[in-house]
Amino acid sequence: MLKKKRTIILIDGSNFYFKLKDLQLHHLIKFNFSNFALSLAKSDEIITVPYGSELLKLAFARKRRFITVYQIKEINI
């Protein structure tokens, strides 16, 4: 039996949003990312579907925490 291919789908939030808007799709808040990801993956197993702008928020939060720790220790960065 063949194993399913494993897939990670990366979505650049800003570009994706504006492309949907250019296509004149309405009610973008209700857009179903799960169904969209399933249609892209076809029969592959989806591992994760991070949304681009959420990844940036996480990266900035981690950077902010890192800087705060060093400021508390009075280390200049």
N, C-alpha and C. Protein backbone atom coordinates (compact mmCIF):
# COMPACT_ATOMS: atom_id res chain seq x y z
N MET A 1 0.84 -1.18 0.00
CA MET A 1 0.00 0.00 0.00
C MET A 1 0.89 1.25 0.00
N LEU A 2 0.58 2.18 -0.87
CA LEU A 2 1.35 3.42 -0.96
C LEU A 2 0.96 4.38 0.15
N LYS A 3 1.98 5.03 0.72
CA LYS A 3 1.70 6.05 1.73
C LYS A 3 1.28 7.33 1.03
N LYS A 4 0.38 8.08 1.70
CA LYS A 4 -0.02 9.38 1.16
C LYS A 4 1.16 10.35 1.24
N LYS A 5 1.25 11.23 0.26
CA LYS A 5 2.26 12.29 0.34
C LYS A 5 1.83 13.26 1.44
N ARG A 6 2.80 13.76 2.17
CA ARG A 6 2.51 14.74 3.22
C ARG A 6 2.71 16.13 2.65
N THR A 7 1.78 17.04 2.96
CA THR A 7 1.78 18.36 2.36
C THR A 7 1.65 19.46 3.41
N ILE A 8 2.42 20.51 3.22
CA ILE A 8 2.27 21.73 4.01
C ILE A 8 1.86 22.82 3.03
N ILE A 9 0.77 23.50 3.33
CA ILE A 9 0.29 24.57 2.47
C ILE A 9 0.53 25.90 3.17
N LEU A 10 1.36 26.74 2.55
CA LEU A 10 1.68 28.05 3.12
C LEU A 10 0.86 29.11 2.41
N ILE A 11 0.16 29.94 3.18
CA ILE A 11 -0.68 30.97 2.60
C ILE A 11 -0.16 32.34 3.03
N ASP A 12 0.22 33.15 2.04
CA ASP A 12 0.63 34.53 2.30
C ASP A 12 -0.66 35.34 2.46
N GLY A 13 -0.98 35.69 3.67
CA GLY A 13 -2.26 36.31 4.00
C GLY A 13 -2.60 37.55 3.21
N SER A 14 -1.68 38.48 3.13
CA SER A 14 -1.95 39.76 2.47
C SER A 14 -2.19 39.57 0.97
N ASN A 15 -1.27 38.90 0.30
CA ASN A 15 -1.43 38.67 -1.14
C ASN A 15 -2.69 37.88 -1.45
N PHE A 16 -2.97 36.87 -0.64
CA PHE A 16 -4.14 36.03 -0.85
C PHE A 16 -5.42 36.86 -0.71
N TYR A 17 -5.49 37.66 0.33
CA TYR A 17 -6.66 38.50 0.58
C TYR A 17 -6.92 39.44 -0.60
N PHE A 18 -5.87 40.13 -1.05
CA PHE A 18 -6.05 41.10 -2.13
C PHE A 18 -6.36 40.42 -3.47
N LYS A 19 -5.85 39.21 -3.69
CA LYS A 19 -6.19 38.48 -4.92
C LYS A 19 -7.67 38.09 -4.90
N LEU A 20 -8.16 37.62 -3.75
CA LEU A 20 -9.59 37.29 -3.64
C LEU A 20 -10.44 38.53 -3.88
N LYS A 21 -9.97 39.66 -3.36
CA LYS A 21 -10.69 40.91 -3.54
C LYS A 21 -10.69 41.33 -5.02
N ASP A 22 -9.52 41.17 -5.69
CA ASP A 22 -9.43 41.48 -7.12
C ASP A 22 -10.40 40.62 -7.94
N LEU A 23 -10.60 39.39 -7.50
CA LEU A 23 -11.53 38.49 -8.19
C LEU A 23 -12.98 38.83 -7.86
N GLN A 24 -13.16 39.87 -7.08
CA GLN A 24 -14.47 40.37 -6.67
C GLN A 24 -15.27 39.32 -5.91
N LEU A 25 -14.55 38.55 -5.07
CA LEU A 25 -15.23 37.61 -4.18
C LEU A 25 -15.68 38.39 -2.96
N HIS A 26 -16.91 38.20 -2.58
CA HIS A 26 -17.48 38.93 -1.45
C HIS A 26 -17.51 38.03 -0.22
N HIS A 27 -17.72 38.64 0.93
CA HIS A 27 -17.81 37.91 2.21
C HIS A 27 -16.51 37.15 2.49
N LEU A 28 -15.38 37.85 2.37
CA LEU A 28 -14.08 37.20 2.56
C LEU A 28 -13.88 36.69 3.98
N ILE A 29 -14.59 37.27 4.94
CA ILE A 29 -14.50 36.80 6.32
C ILE A 29 -14.98 35.35 6.41
N LYS A 30 -15.92 34.99 5.57
CA LYS A 30 -16.50 33.65 5.60
C LYS A 30 -15.76 32.65 4.72
N PHE A 31 -14.64 33.06 4.13
CA PHE A 31 -13.90 32.17 3.23
C PHE A 31 -13.46 30.93 4.00
N ASN A 32 -13.69 29.76 3.44
CA ASN A 32 -13.39 28.50 4.10
C ASN A 32 -11.99 28.01 3.71
N PHE A 33 -11.00 28.31 4.57
CA PHE A 33 -9.62 27.92 4.28
C PHE A 33 -9.44 26.41 4.32
N SER A 34 -10.20 25.73 5.17
CA SER A 34 -10.09 24.27 5.25
C SER A 34 -10.46 23.62 3.93
N ASN A 35 -11.58 24.01 3.36
CA ASN A 35 -11.99 23.45 2.07
C ASN A 35 -11.02 23.83 0.96
N PHE A 36 -10.50 25.06 1.00
CA PHE A 36 -9.53 25.50 0.01
C PHE A 36 -8.26 24.64 0.09
N ALA A 37 -7.77 24.42 1.31
CA ALA A 37 -6.57 23.60 1.51
C ALA A 37 -6.81 22.17 1.03
N LEU A 38 -7.97 21.61 1.34
CA LEU A 38 -8.28 20.25 0.90
C LEU A 38 -8.32 20.16 -0.63
N SER A 39 -8.83 21.19 -1.28
CA SER A 39 -8.88 21.15 -2.75
C SER A 39 -7.48 21.25 -3.35
N LEU A 40 -6.57 21.97 -2.68
CA LEU A 40 -5.19 22.05 -3.17
C LEU A 40 -4.43 20.74 -2.96
N ALA A 41 -4.65 20.13 -1.81
CA ALA A 41 -3.91 18.92 -1.44
C ALA A 41 -4.39 17.69 -2.20
N LYS A 42 -5.62 17.73 -2.68
CA LYS A 42 -6.24 16.57 -3.36
C LYS A 42 -6.19 15.37 -2.42
N SER A 43 -5.42 14.35 -2.73
CA SER A 43 -5.41 13.16 -1.88
C SER A 43 -4.23 13.14 -0.90
N ASP A 44 -3.42 14.18 -0.90
CA ASP A 44 -2.27 14.24 0.01
C ASP A 44 -2.74 14.49 1.45
N GLU A 45 -1.93 14.06 2.40
CA GLU A 45 -2.20 14.32 3.81
C GLU A 45 -1.70 15.73 4.14
N ILE A 46 -2.57 16.56 4.67
CA ILE A 46 -2.19 17.93 5.04
C ILE A 46 -1.59 17.91 6.44
N ILE A 47 -0.36 18.40 6.55
CA ILE A 47 0.32 18.47 7.84
C ILE A 47 -0.07 19.74 8.57
N THR A 48 -0.01 20.87 7.88
CA THR A 48 -0.36 22.15 8.48
C THR A 48 -0.68 23.16 7.39
N VAL A 49 -1.44 24.20 7.77
CA VAL A 49 -1.76 25.29 6.84
C VAL A 49 -1.60 26.61 7.60
N PRO A 50 -0.35 27.06 7.81
CA PRO A 50 -0.19 28.35 8.49
C PRO A 50 -0.56 29.48 7.54
N TYR A 51 -1.17 30.49 8.08
CA TYR A 51 -1.59 31.66 7.31
C TYR A 51 -0.52 32.72 7.49
N GLY A 52 0.04 33.24 6.39
CA GLY A 52 1.21 34.12 6.39
C GLY A 52 1.23 35.23 7.41
N SER A 53 0.20 36.03 7.50
CA SER A 53 0.25 37.15 8.42
C SER A 53 0.28 36.68 9.88
N GLU A 54 -0.31 35.50 10.15
CA GLU A 54 -0.25 34.95 11.50
C GLU A 54 1.18 34.53 11.84
N LEU A 55 1.90 34.04 10.86
CA LEU A 55 3.30 33.67 11.10
C LEU A 55 4.13 34.90 11.46
N LEU A 56 3.87 36.02 10.78
CA LEU A 56 4.58 37.25 11.08
C LEU A 56 4.28 37.74 12.49
N LYS A 57 3.01 37.67 12.88
CA LYS A 57 2.63 38.09 14.23
C LYS A 57 3.37 37.27 15.27
N LEU A 58 3.45 35.96 15.04
CA LEU A 58 4.16 35.08 15.96
C LEU A 58 5.64 35.43 16.02
N ALA A 59 6.26 35.67 14.86
CA ALA A 59 7.67 36.02 14.82
C ALA A 59 7.94 37.33 15.56
N PHE A 60 7.08 38.34 15.36
CA PHE A 60 7.25 39.62 16.06
C PHE A 60 7.06 39.45 17.56
N ALA A 61 6.11 38.63 17.97
CA ALA A 61 5.87 38.40 19.40
C ALA A 61 7.09 37.74 20.04
N ARG A 62 7.67 36.77 19.35
CA ARG A 62 8.87 36.10 19.88
C ARG A 62 10.04 37.08 19.97
N LYS A 63 10.19 37.91 18.94
CA LYS A 63 11.29 38.90 18.95
C LYS A 63 11.08 39.88 20.10
N ARG A 64 9.85 40.33 20.30
CA ARG A 64 9.54 41.27 21.38
C ARG A 64 9.87 40.65 22.74
N ARG A 65 9.49 39.37 22.93
CA ARG A 65 9.81 38.67 24.19
C ARG A 65 11.31 38.58 24.39
N PHE A 66 12.03 38.26 23.33
CA PHE A 66 13.49 38.13 23.39
C PHE A 66 14.12 39.45 23.84
N ILE A 67 13.69 40.55 23.22
CA ILE A 67 14.24 41.87 23.56
C ILE A 67 13.88 42.24 24.99
N THR A 68 12.65 41.96 25.41
CA THR A 68 12.21 42.30 26.76
C THR A 68 13.05 41.59 27.81
N VAL A 69 13.37 40.32 27.58
CA VAL A 69 14.19 39.56 28.54
C VAL A 69 15.54 40.24 28.72
N TYR A 70 16.15 40.67 27.62
CA TYR A 70 17.45 41.31 27.72
C TYR A 70 17.37 42.71 28.32
N GLN A 71 16.28 43.41 28.11
CA GLN A 71 16.11 44.72 28.73
C GLN A 71 15.97 44.57 30.24
N ILE A 72 15.28 43.53 30.67
CA ILE A 72 15.14 43.29 32.11
C ILE A 72 16.50 42.99 32.73
N LYS A 73 17.35 42.29 32.01
CA LYS A 73 18.69 41.96 32.50
C LYS A 73 19.66 43.12 32.27
N GLU A 74 19.16 44.23 31.73
CA GLU A 74 19.96 45.43 31.46
C GLU A 74 21.13 45.15 30.51
N ILE A 75 20.85 44.39 29.50
CA ILE A 75 21.85 44.10 28.45
C ILE A 75 21.44 44.90 27.22
N ASN A 76 22.36 45.69 26.68
CA ASN A 76 22.05 46.47 25.47
C ASN A 76 22.14 45.58 24.24
N ILE A 77 21.15 45.74 23.39
CA ILE A 77 21.19 45.00 22.14
C ILE A 77 21.33 45.97 20.99
